[in-house]
Every structure is written in C-alpha cells, then in structure tokens.
Amino acid sequence: GWTPKGYDPDKETDTENQDLANLRAKEALKTKRFY
C-alpha cells in the first residue's frame, strides 16, 4: 500500500501512467499486448 509522497494513484485515471490491468504472468501470455 506504499506510495511516494505527493503521489495519488486515484488521480491517474485519465493519464497514460495508470496501470491498464494487474495480471499474473500466465494471464499476460494470453493477451495480444504481450506479443
């Protein structure tokens, strides 16, 4: 749950830097993005 001071991940909704997903390796292998 740690985040750097001044950084709020909840405010990253409309930016390029928000994580698109939080997948395990086996799940990532099933996506087009991996390839």
PDB file of all heavy atoms in Angstrom:
ATOM      1  N   GLY A   1       0.785  -1.228   0.000  1.00  0.00           N
ATOM      2  CA  GLY A   1       0.000   0.000   0.000  1.00  0.00           C
ATOM      3  C   GLY A   1       0.815   1.274   0.000  1.00  0.00           C
ATOM      4  O   GLY A   1       0.257   2.383   0.009  1.00  0.00           O
ATOM      5  N   TRP A   2       2.154   1.157  -0.044  1.00  0.00           N
ATOM      6  CA  TRP A   2       3.005   2.348  -0.005  1.00  0.00           C
ATOM      7  C   TRP A   2       2.958   3.103  -1.323  1.00  0.00           C
ATOM      8  O   TRP A   2       2.904   2.506  -2.396  1.00  0.00           O
ATOM      9  CB  TRP A   2       4.452   1.926   0.278  1.00  0.00           C
ATOM     10  CG  TRP A   2       5.430   3.069   0.221  1.00  0.00           C
ATOM     11  CD1 TRP A   2       5.782   3.898   1.235  1.00  0.00           C
ATOM     12  CD2 TRP A   2       6.175   3.508  -0.928  1.00  0.00           C
ATOM     13  NE1 TRP A   2       6.701   4.835   0.800  1.00  0.00           N
ATOM     14  CE2 TRP A   2       6.958   4.617  -0.536  1.00  0.00           C
ATOM     15  CE3 TRP A   2       6.247   3.074  -2.251  1.00  0.00           C
ATOM     16  CZ2 TRP A   2       7.800   5.285  -1.403  1.00  0.00           C
ATOM     17  CZ3 TRP A   2       7.083   3.741  -3.130  1.00  0.00           C
ATOM     18  CH2 TRP A   2       7.852   4.832  -2.705  1.00  0.00           C
ATOM     19  N   THR A   3       2.949   4.422  -1.233  1.00  0.00           N
ATOM     20  CA  THR A   3       3.083   5.280  -2.408  1.00  0.00           C
ATOM     21  C   THR A   3       4.029   6.428  -2.067  1.00  0.00           C
ATOM     22  O   THR A   3       4.131   6.826  -0.898  1.00  0.00           O
ATOM     23  CB  THR A   3       1.729   5.876  -2.853  1.00  0.00           C
ATOM     24  OG1 THR A   3       1.138   6.586  -1.760  1.00  0.00           O
ATOM     25  CG2 THR A   3       0.775   4.796  -3.336  1.00  0.00           C
ATOM     26  N   PRO A   4       4.744   6.961  -3.044  1.00  0.00           N
ATOM     27  CA  PRO A   4       5.632   8.088  -2.758  1.00  0.00           C
ATOM     28  C   PRO A   4       4.846   9.316  -2.315  1.00  0.00           C
ATOM     29  O   PRO A   4       3.678   9.477  -2.687  1.00  0.00           O
ATOM     30  CB  PRO A   4       6.334   8.341  -4.088  1.00  0.00           C
ATOM     31  CG  PRO A   4       5.778   7.407  -5.079  1.00  0.00           C
ATOM     32  CD  PRO A   4       4.757   6.546  -4.430  1.00  0.00           C
ATOM     33  N   LYS A   5       5.487  10.150  -1.544  1.00  0.00           N
ATOM     34  CA  LYS A   5       4.850  11.359  -1.042  1.00  0.00           C
ATOM     35  C   LYS A   5       4.387  12.239  -2.196  1.00  0.00           C
ATOM     36  O   LYS A   5       5.137  12.513  -3.134  1.00  0.00           O
ATOM     37  CB  LYS A   5       5.840  12.135  -0.165  1.00  0.00           C
ATOM     38  CG  LYS A   5       5.214  13.306   0.569  1.00  0.00           C
ATOM     39  CD  LYS A   5       6.229  13.971   1.480  1.00  0.00           C
ATOM     40  CE  LYS A   5       5.608  15.148   2.231  1.00  0.00           C
ATOM     41  NZ  LYS A   5       6.594  15.809   3.120  1.00  0.00           N
ATOM     42  N   GLY A   6       3.124  12.655  -2.134  1.00  0.00           N
ATOM     43  CA  GLY A   6       2.580  13.528  -3.169  1.00  0.00           C
ATOM     44  C   GLY A   6       2.003  12.808  -4.368  1.00  0.00           C
ATOM     45  O   GLY A   6       1.475  13.442  -5.281  1.00  0.00           O
ATOM     46  N   TYR A   7       2.104  11.467  -4.358  1.00  0.00           N
ATOM     47  CA  TYR A   7       1.593  10.693  -5.497  1.00  0.00           C
ATOM     48  C   TYR A   7       0.282  10.025  -5.098  1.00  0.00           C
ATOM     49  O   TYR A   7       0.209   9.318  -4.095  1.00  0.00           O
ATOM     50  CB  TYR A   7       2.606   9.630  -5.913  1.00  0.00           C
ATOM     51  CG  TYR A   7       2.111   8.694  -7.005  1.00  0.00           C
ATOM     52  CD1 TYR A   7       2.028   9.114  -8.319  1.00  0.00           C
ATOM     53  CD2 TYR A   7       1.728   7.385  -6.700  1.00  0.00           C
ATOM     54  CE1 TYR A   7       1.584   8.259  -9.321  1.00  0.00           C
ATOM     55  CE2 TYR A   7       1.275   6.527  -7.690  1.00  0.00           C
ATOM     56  CZ  TYR A   7       1.202   6.967  -8.992  1.00  0.00           C
ATOM     57  OH  TYR A   7       0.764   6.118  -9.963  1.00  0.00           O
ATOM     58  N   ASP A   8      -0.750  10.273  -5.870  1.00  0.00           N
ATOM     59  CA  ASP A   8      -2.059   9.678  -5.606  1.00  0.00           C
ATOM     60  C   ASP A   8      -2.492   8.894  -6.839  1.00  0.00           C
ATOM     61  O   ASP A   8      -2.882   9.483  -7.854  1.00  0.00           O
ATOM     62  CB  ASP A   8      -3.088  10.762  -5.293  1.00  0.00           C
ATOM     63  CG  ASP A   8      -4.440  10.180  -4.892  1.00  0.00           C
ATOM     64  OD1 ASP A   8      -4.589   8.935  -4.923  1.00  0.00           O
ATOM     65  OD2 ASP A   8      -5.352  10.968  -4.553  1.00  0.00           O
ATOM     66  N   PRO A   9      -2.417   7.549  -6.772  1.00  0.00           N
ATOM     67  CA  PRO A   9      -2.787   6.738  -7.950  1.00  0.00           C
ATOM     68  C   PRO A   9      -4.223   6.927  -8.386  1.00  0.00           C
ATOM     69  O   PRO A   9      -4.556   6.725  -9.547  1.00  0.00           O
ATOM     70  CB  PRO A   9      -2.536   5.299  -7.474  1.00  0.00           C
ATOM     71  CG  PRO A   9      -2.542   5.365  -5.982  1.00  0.00           C
ATOM     72  CD  PRO A   9      -2.024   6.717  -5.627  1.00  0.00           C
ATOM     73  N   ASP A  10      -5.093   7.360  -7.462  1.00  0.00           N
ATOM     74  CA  ASP A  10      -6.501   7.555  -7.813  1.00  0.00           C
ATOM     75  C   ASP A  10      -6.704   8.733  -8.758  1.00  0.00           C
ATOM     76  O   ASP A  10      -7.720   8.854  -9.417  1.00  0.00           O
ATOM     77  CB  ASP A  10      -7.338   7.781  -6.549  1.00  0.00           C
ATOM     78  CG  ASP A  10      -7.368   6.540  -5.656  1.00  0.00           C
ATOM     79  OD1 ASP A  10      -7.257   5.424  -6.209  1.00  0.00           O
ATOM     80  OD2 ASP A  10      -7.488   6.692  -4.434  1.00  0.00           O
ATOM     81  N   LYS A  11      -5.706   9.631  -8.817  1.00  0.00           N
ATOM     82  CA  LYS A  11      -5.805  10.789  -9.695  1.00  0.00           C
ATOM     83  C   LYS A  11      -5.230  10.522 -11.087  1.00  0.00           C
ATOM     84  O   LYS A  11      -5.159  11.403 -11.913  1.00  0.00           O
ATOM     85  CB  LYS A  11      -5.081  11.983  -9.067  1.00  0.00           C
ATOM     86  CG  LYS A  11      -5.766  12.492  -7.795  1.00  0.00           C
ATOM     87  CD  LYS A  11      -5.019  13.691  -7.224  1.00  0.00           C
ATOM     88  CE  LYS A  11      -5.705  14.198  -5.966  1.00  0.00           C
ATOM     89  NZ  LYS A  11      -4.985  15.359  -5.373  1.00  0.00           N
ATOM     90  N   GLU A  12      -4.785   9.257 -11.303  1.00  0.00           N
ATOM     91  CA  GLU A  12      -4.144   8.909 -12.574  1.00  0.00           C
ATOM     92  C   GLU A  12      -5.123   8.327 -13.597  1.00  0.00           C
ATOM     93  O   GLU A  12      -4.725   7.801 -14.606  1.00  0.00           O
ATOM     94  CB  GLU A  12      -3.029   7.874 -12.326  1.00  0.00           C
ATOM     95  CG  GLU A  12      -1.920   8.361 -11.421  1.00  0.00           C
ATOM     96  CD  GLU A  12      -1.118   9.482 -12.036  1.00  0.00           C
ATOM     97  OE1 GLU A  12      -0.807   9.411 -13.247  1.00  0.00           O
ATOM     98  OE2 GLU A  12      -0.823  10.446 -11.332  1.00  0.00           O
ATOM     99  N   THR A  13      -6.423   8.442 -13.326  1.00  0.00           N
ATOM    100  CA  THR A  13      -7.438   7.789 -14.155  1.00  0.00           C
ATOM    101  C   THR A  13      -7.347   8.150 -15.632  1.00  0.00           C
ATOM    102  O   THR A  13      -7.491   7.299 -16.499  1.00  0.00           O
ATOM    103  CB  THR A  13      -8.858   8.144 -13.630  1.00  0.00           C
ATOM    104  OG1 THR A  13      -8.931   7.782 -12.262  1.00  0.00           O
ATOM    105  CG2 THR A  13      -9.921   7.409 -14.405  1.00  0.00           C
ATOM    106  N   ASP A  14      -7.085   9.405 -15.940  1.00  0.00           N
ATOM    107  CA  ASP A  14      -7.107   9.838 -17.329  1.00  0.00           C
ATOM    108  C   ASP A  14      -5.717   9.998 -17.933  1.00  0.00           C
ATOM    109  O   ASP A  14      -5.534  10.644 -18.942  1.00  0.00           O
ATOM    110  CB  ASP A  14      -7.864  11.162 -17.446  1.00  0.00           C
ATOM    111  CG  ASP A  14      -9.319  11.001 -17.029  1.00  0.00           C
ATOM    112  OD1 ASP A  14      -9.943  10.015 -17.453  1.00  0.00           O
ATOM    113  OD2 ASP A  14      -9.807  11.847 -16.261  1.00  0.00           O
ATOM    114  N   THR A  15      -4.707   9.439 -17.307  1.00  0.00           N
ATOM    115  CA  THR A  15      -3.346   9.618 -17.816  1.00  0.00           C
ATOM    116  C   THR A  15      -2.815   8.340 -18.415  1.00  0.00           C
ATOM    117  O   THR A  15      -3.346   7.251 -18.218  1.00  0.00           O
ATOM    118  CB  THR A  15      -2.401  10.071 -16.687  1.00  0.00           C
ATOM    119  OG1 THR A  15      -2.163   8.975 -15.821  1.00  0.00           O
ATOM    120  CG2 THR A  15      -2.980  11.235 -15.900  1.00  0.00           C
ATOM    121  N   GLU A  16      -1.684   8.490 -19.117  1.00  0.00           N
ATOM    122  CA  GLU A  16      -1.008   7.357 -19.738  1.00  0.00           C
ATOM    123  C   GLU A  16      -0.403   6.424 -18.699  1.00  0.00           C
ATOM    124  O   GLU A  16      -0.070   5.294 -18.992  1.00  0.00           O
ATOM    125  CB  GLU A  16       0.115   7.869 -20.654  1.00  0.00           C
ATOM    126  CG  GLU A  16      -0.374   8.540 -21.923  1.00  0.00           C
ATOM    127  CD  GLU A  16      -0.725   7.547 -23.005  1.00  0.00           C
ATOM    128  OE1 GLU A  16      -0.347   6.358 -22.884  1.00  0.00           O
ATOM    129  OE2 GLU A  16      -1.392   7.935 -23.958  1.00  0.00           O
ATOM    130  N   ASN A  17      -0.231   6.932 -17.462  1.00  0.00           N
ATOM    131  CA  ASN A  17       0.529   6.175 -16.474  1.00  0.00           C
ATOM    132  C   ASN A  17      -0.301   5.263 -15.582  1.00  0.00           C
ATOM    133  O   ASN A  17       0.246   4.592 -14.719  1.00  0.00           O
ATOM    134  CB  ASN A  17       1.342   7.142 -15.593  1.00  0.00           C
ATOM    135  CG  ASN A  17       2.413   7.863 -16.385  1.00  0.00           C
ATOM    136  OD1 ASN A  17       2.986   7.291 -17.302  1.00  0.00           O
ATOM    137  ND2 ASN A  17       2.670   9.106 -16.050  1.00  0.00           N
ATOM    138  N   GLN A  18      -1.607   5.270 -15.746  1.00  0.00           N
ATOM    139  CA  GLN A  18      -2.411   4.362 -14.948  1.00  0.00           C
ATOM    140  C   GLN A  18      -2.256   2.944 -15.474  1.00  0.00           C
ATOM    141  O   GLN A  18      -2.263   2.710 -16.685  1.00  0.00           O
ATOM    142  CB  GLN A  18      -3.900   4.766 -15.015  1.00  0.00           C
ATOM    143  CG  GLN A  18      -4.775   3.881 -14.122  1.00  0.00           C
ATOM    144  CD  GLN A  18      -6.245   3.955 -14.497  1.00  0.00           C
ATOM    145  OE1 GLN A  18      -6.567   4.329 -15.615  1.00  0.00           O
ATOM    146  NE2 GLN A  18      -7.108   3.577 -13.583  1.00  0.00           N
ATOM    147  N   ASP A  19      -2.117   1.978 -14.567  1.00  0.00           N
ATOM    148  CA  ASP A  19      -1.994   0.585 -14.992  1.00  0.00           C
ATOM    149  C   ASP A  19      -3.288   0.139 -15.663  1.00  0.00           C
ATOM    150  O   ASP A  19      -4.388   0.352 -15.137  1.00  0.00           O
ATOM    151  CB  ASP A  19      -1.710  -0.325 -13.782  1.00  0.00           C
ATOM    152  CG  ASP A  19      -0.343  -0.055 -13.176  1.00  0.00           C
ATOM    153  OD1 ASP A  19       0.438   0.682 -13.796  1.00  0.00           O
ATOM    154  OD2 ASP A  19      -0.072  -0.581 -12.082  1.00  0.00           O
ATOM    155  N   LEU A  20      -3.131  -0.505 -16.812  1.00  0.00           N
ATOM    156  CA  LEU A  20      -4.294  -0.947 -17.570  1.00  0.00           C
ATOM    157  C   LEU A  20      -4.942  -2.164 -16.922  1.00  0.00           C
ATOM    158  O   LEU A  20      -6.144  -2.373 -17.014  1.00  0.00           O
ATOM    159  CB  LEU A  20      -3.858  -1.282 -18.999  1.00  0.00           C
ATOM    160  CG  LEU A  20      -4.936  -1.382 -20.061  1.00  0.00           C
ATOM    161  CD1 LEU A  20      -5.668  -0.057 -20.191  1.00  0.00           C
ATOM    162  CD2 LEU A  20      -4.325  -1.773 -21.398  1.00  0.00           C
ATOM    163  N   ALA A  21      -4.130  -2.992 -16.263  1.00  0.00           N
ATOM    164  CA  ALA A  21      -4.615  -4.209 -15.595  1.00  0.00           C
ATOM    165  C   ALA A  21      -3.585  -4.602 -14.554  1.00  0.00           C
ATOM    166  O   ALA A  21      -2.535  -3.975 -14.423  1.00  0.00           O
ATOM    167  CB  ALA A  21      -4.801  -5.327 -16.621  1.00  0.00           C
ATOM    168  N   ASN A  22      -3.890  -5.628 -13.788  1.00  0.00           N
ATOM    169  CA  ASN A  22      -2.933  -6.156 -12.813  1.00  0.00           C
ATOM    170  C   ASN A  22      -2.951  -7.676 -12.942  1.00  0.00           C
ATOM    171  O   ASN A  22      -3.597  -8.382 -12.167  1.00  0.00           O
ATOM    172  CB  ASN A  22      -3.305  -5.710 -11.406  1.00  0.00           C
ATOM    173  CG  ASN A  22      -2.121  -5.747 -10.461  1.00  0.00           C
ATOM    174  OD1 ASN A  22      -0.970  -5.786 -10.891  1.00  0.00           O
ATOM    175  ND2 ASN A  22      -2.395  -5.745  -9.166  1.00  0.00           N
ATOM    176  N   LEU A  23      -2.237  -8.167 -13.961  1.00  0.00           N
ATOM    177  CA  LEU A  23      -2.337  -9.568 -14.352  1.00  0.00           C
ATOM    178  C   LEU A  23      -1.178 -10.406 -13.842  1.00  0.00           C
ATOM    179  O   LEU A  23      -0.079  -9.907 -13.618  1.00  0.00           O
ATOM    180  CB  LEU A  23      -2.383  -9.679 -15.882  1.00  0.00           C
ATOM    181  CG  LEU A  23      -3.470  -8.902 -16.623  1.00  0.00           C
ATOM    182  CD1 LEU A  23      -3.352  -9.149 -18.112  1.00  0.00           C
ATOM    183  CD2 LEU A  23      -4.853  -9.261 -16.118  1.00  0.00           C
ATOM    184  N   ARG A  24      -1.434 -11.692 -13.715  1.00  0.00           N
ATOM    185  CA  ARG A  24      -0.359 -12.648 -13.459  1.00  0.00           C
ATOM    186  C   ARG A  24       0.315 -12.973 -14.794  1.00  0.00           C
ATOM    187  O   ARG A  24      -0.231 -12.702 -15.865  1.00  0.00           O
ATOM    188  CB  ARG A  24      -0.913 -13.921 -12.814  1.00  0.00           C
ATOM    189  CG  ARG A  24      -1.505 -13.687 -11.430  1.00  0.00           C
ATOM    190  CD  ARG A  24      -1.859 -14.994 -10.736  1.00  0.00           C
ATOM    191  NE  ARG A  24      -2.398 -14.752  -9.399  1.00  0.00           N
ATOM    192  CZ  ARG A  24      -1.659 -14.513  -8.319  1.00  0.00           C
ATOM    193  NH1 ARG A  24      -0.344 -14.513  -8.422  1.00  0.00           N
ATOM    194  NH2 ARG A  24      -2.212 -14.293  -7.149  1.00  0.00           N
ATOM    195  N   ALA A  25       1.498 -13.562 -14.714  1.00  0.00           N
ATOM    196  CA  ALA A  25       2.266 -13.835 -15.930  1.00  0.00           C
ATOM    197  C   ALA A  25       1.497 -14.731 -16.897  1.00  0.00           C
ATOM    198  O   ALA A  25       1.481 -14.488 -18.115  1.00  0.00           O
ATOM    199  CB  ALA A  25       3.599 -14.467 -15.565  1.00  0.00           C
ATOM    200  N   LYS A  26       0.860 -15.769 -16.389  1.00  0.00           N
ATOM    201  CA  LYS A  26       0.117 -16.685 -17.252  1.00  0.00           C
ATOM    202  C   LYS A  26      -1.046 -15.985 -17.934  1.00  0.00           C
ATOM    203  O   LYS A  26      -1.395 -16.296 -19.078  1.00  0.00           O
ATOM    204  CB  LYS A  26      -0.387 -17.882 -16.441  1.00  0.00           C
ATOM    205  CG  LYS A  26       0.726 -18.839 -16.011  1.00  0.00           C
ATOM    206  CD  LYS A  26       0.171 -20.039 -15.275  1.00  0.00           C
ATOM    207  CE  LYS A  26       1.293 -20.999 -14.873  1.00  0.00           C
ATOM    208  NZ  LYS A  26       0.776 -22.171 -14.119  1.00  0.00           N
ATOM    209  N   GLU A  27      -1.661 -15.028 -17.234  1.00  0.00           N
ATOM    210  CA  GLU A  27      -2.759 -14.263 -17.831  1.00  0.00           C
ATOM    211  C   GLU A  27      -2.232 -13.323 -18.903  1.00  0.00           C
ATOM    212  O   GLU A  27      -2.859 -13.143 -19.954  1.00  0.00           O
ATOM    213  CB  GLU A  27      -3.483 -13.469 -16.739  1.00  0.00           C
ATOM    214  CG  GLU A  27      -4.182 -14.333 -15.701  1.00  0.00           C
ATOM    215  CD  GLU A  27      -4.702 -13.543 -14.522  1.00  0.00           C
ATOM    216  OE1 GLU A  27      -4.058 -12.547 -14.132  1.00  0.00           O
ATOM    217  OE2 GLU A  27      -5.748 -13.932 -13.960  1.00  0.00           O
ATOM    218  N   ALA A  28      -1.067 -12.726 -18.649  1.00  0.00           N
ATOM    219  CA  ALA A  28      -0.471 -11.805 -19.628  1.00  0.00           C
ATOM    220  C   ALA A  28      -0.150 -12.513 -20.931  1.00  0.00           C
ATOM    221  O   ALA A  28      -0.283 -11.937 -22.025  1.00  0.00           O
ATOM    222  CB  ALA A  28       0.792 -11.179 -19.043  1.00  0.00           C
ATOM    223  N   LEU A  29       0.265 -13.778 -20.834  1.00  0.00           N
ATOM    224  CA  LEU A  29       0.616 -14.555 -22.028  1.00  0.00           C
ATOM    225  C   LEU A  29      -0.579 -14.786 -22.953  1.00  0.00           C
ATOM    226  O   LEU A  29      -0.407 -15.122 -24.121  1.00  0.00           O
ATOM    227  CB  LEU A  29       1.207 -15.906 -21.622  1.00  0.00           C
ATOM    228  CG  LEU A  29       2.624 -15.882 -21.026  1.00  0.00           C
ATOM    229  CD1 LEU A  29       2.992 -17.254 -20.481  1.00  0.00           C
ATOM    230  CD2 LEU A  29       3.635 -15.447 -22.068  1.00  0.00           C
ATOM    231  N   LYS A  30      -1.787 -14.596 -22.438  1.00  0.00           N
ATOM    232  CA  LYS A  30      -2.993 -14.827 -23.233  1.00  0.00           C
ATOM    233  C   LYS A  30      -3.484 -13.562 -23.926  1.00  0.00           C
ATOM    234  O   LYS A  30      -4.505 -13.586 -24.610  1.00  0.00           O
ATOM    235  CB  LYS A  30      -4.099 -15.380 -22.337  1.00  0.00           C
ATOM    236  CG  LYS A  30      -3.768 -16.741 -21.719  1.00  0.00           C
ATOM    237  CD  LYS A  30      -4.862 -17.203 -20.762  1.00  0.00           C
ATOM    238  CE  LYS A  30      -4.500 -18.529 -20.115  1.00  0.00           C
ATOM    239  NZ  LYS A  30      -5.531 -18.980 -19.132  1.00  0.00           N
ATOM    240  N   THR A  31      -2.759 -12.452 -23.750  1.00  0.00           N
ATOM    241  CA  THR A  31      -3.191 -11.187 -24.349  1.00  0.00           C
ATOM    242  C   THR A  31      -2.390 -10.857 -25.612  1.00  0.00           C
ATOM    243  O   THR A  31      -1.245 -11.279 -25.754  1.00  0.00           O
ATOM    244  CB  THR A  31      -3.021 -10.020 -23.355  1.00  0.00           C
ATOM    245  OG1 THR A  31      -1.626  -9.818 -23.110  1.00  0.00           O
ATOM    246  CG2 THR A  31      -3.735 -10.310 -22.042  1.00  0.00           C
ATOM    247  N   LYS A  32      -3.021 -10.088 -26.491  1.00  0.00           N
ATOM    248  CA  LYS A  32      -2.330  -9.626 -27.698  1.00  0.00           C
ATOM    249  C   LYS A  32      -1.210  -8.657 -27.324  1.00  0.00           C
ATOM    250  O   LYS A  32      -0.164  -8.611 -27.988  1.00  0.00           O
ATOM    251  CB  LYS A  32      -3.319  -8.917 -28.633  1.00  0.00           C
ATOM    252  CG  LYS A  32      -4.324  -9.809 -29.312  1.00  0.00           C
ATOM    253  CD  LYS A  32      -5.149  -9.031 -30.321  1.00  0.00           C
ATOM    254  CE  LYS A  32      -6.009  -7.975 -29.648  1.00  0.00           C
ATOM    255  NZ  LYS A  32      -6.914  -7.297 -30.610  1.00  0.00           N
ATOM    256  N   ARG A  33      -1.435  -7.882 -26.281  1.00  0.00           N
ATOM    257  CA  ARG A  33      -0.467  -6.857 -25.888  1.00  0.00           C
ATOM    258  C   ARG A  33       0.902  -7.454 -25.583  1.00  0.00           C
ATOM    259  O   ARG A  33       1.932  -6.853 -25.893  1.00  0.00           O
ATOM    260  CB  ARG A  33      -0.969  -6.087 -24.658  1.00  0.00           C
ATOM    261  CG  ARG A  33      -2.299  -5.402 -24.865  1.00  0.00           C
ATOM    262  CD  ARG A  33      -2.639  -4.445 -23.744  1.00  0.00           C
ATOM    263  NE  ARG A  33      -2.768  -5.083 -22.443  1.00  0.00           N
ATOM    264  CZ  ARG A  33      -3.860  -5.714 -22.013  1.00  0.00           C
ATOM    265  NH1 ARG A  33      -4.924  -5.805 -22.807  1.00  0.00           N
ATOM    266  NH2 ARG A  33      -3.910  -6.234 -20.800  1.00  0.00           N
ATOM    267  N   PHE A  34       0.920  -8.639 -24.982  1.00  0.00           N
ATOM    268  CA  PHE A  34       2.192  -9.283 -24.661  1.00  0.00           C
ATOM    269  C   PHE A  34       2.991  -9.548 -25.934  1.00  0.00           C
ATOM    270  O   PHE A  34       4.194  -9.251 -26.008  1.00  0.00           O
ATOM    271  CB  PHE A  34       1.947 -10.602 -23.918  1.00  0.00           C
ATOM    272  CG  PHE A  34       3.218 -11.381 -23.657  1.00  0.00           C
ATOM    273  CD1 PHE A  34       3.958 -11.164 -22.515  1.00  0.00           C
ATOM    274  CD2 PHE A  34       3.684 -12.318 -24.583  1.00  0.00           C
ATOM    275  CE1 PHE A  34       5.139 -11.860 -22.284  1.00  0.00           C
ATOM    276  CE2 PHE A  34       4.865 -13.011 -24.367  1.00  0.00           C
ATOM    277  CZ  PHE A  34       5.585 -12.784 -23.208  1.00  0.00           C
ATOM    278  N   TYR A  35       2.336 -10.077 -26.939  1.00  0.00           N
ATOM    279  CA  TYR A  35       3.025 -10.438 -28.182  1.00  0.00           C
ATOM    280  C   TYR A  35       3.377  -9.202 -28.999  1.00  0.00           C
ATOM    281  O   TYR A  35       4.353  -9.212 -29.772  1.00  0.00           O
ATOM    282  CB  TYR A  35       2.189 -11.443 -28.969  1.00  0.00           C
ATOM    283  CG  TYR A  35       2.017 -12.723 -28.179  1.00  0.00           C
ATOM    284  CD1 TYR A  35       0.858 -12.956 -27.441  1.00  0.00           C
ATOM    285  CD2 TYR A  35       3.053 -13.644 -28.099  1.00  0.00           C
ATOM    286  CE1 TYR A  35       0.731 -14.091 -26.661  1.00  0.00           C
ATOM    287  CE2 TYR A  35       2.935 -14.788 -27.328  1.00  0.00           C
ATOM    288  CZ  TYR A  35       1.772 -15.009 -26.605  1.00  0.00           C
ATOM    289  OH  TYR A  35       1.659 -16.133 -25.823  1.00  0.00           O
TER     290      TYR A  35
END
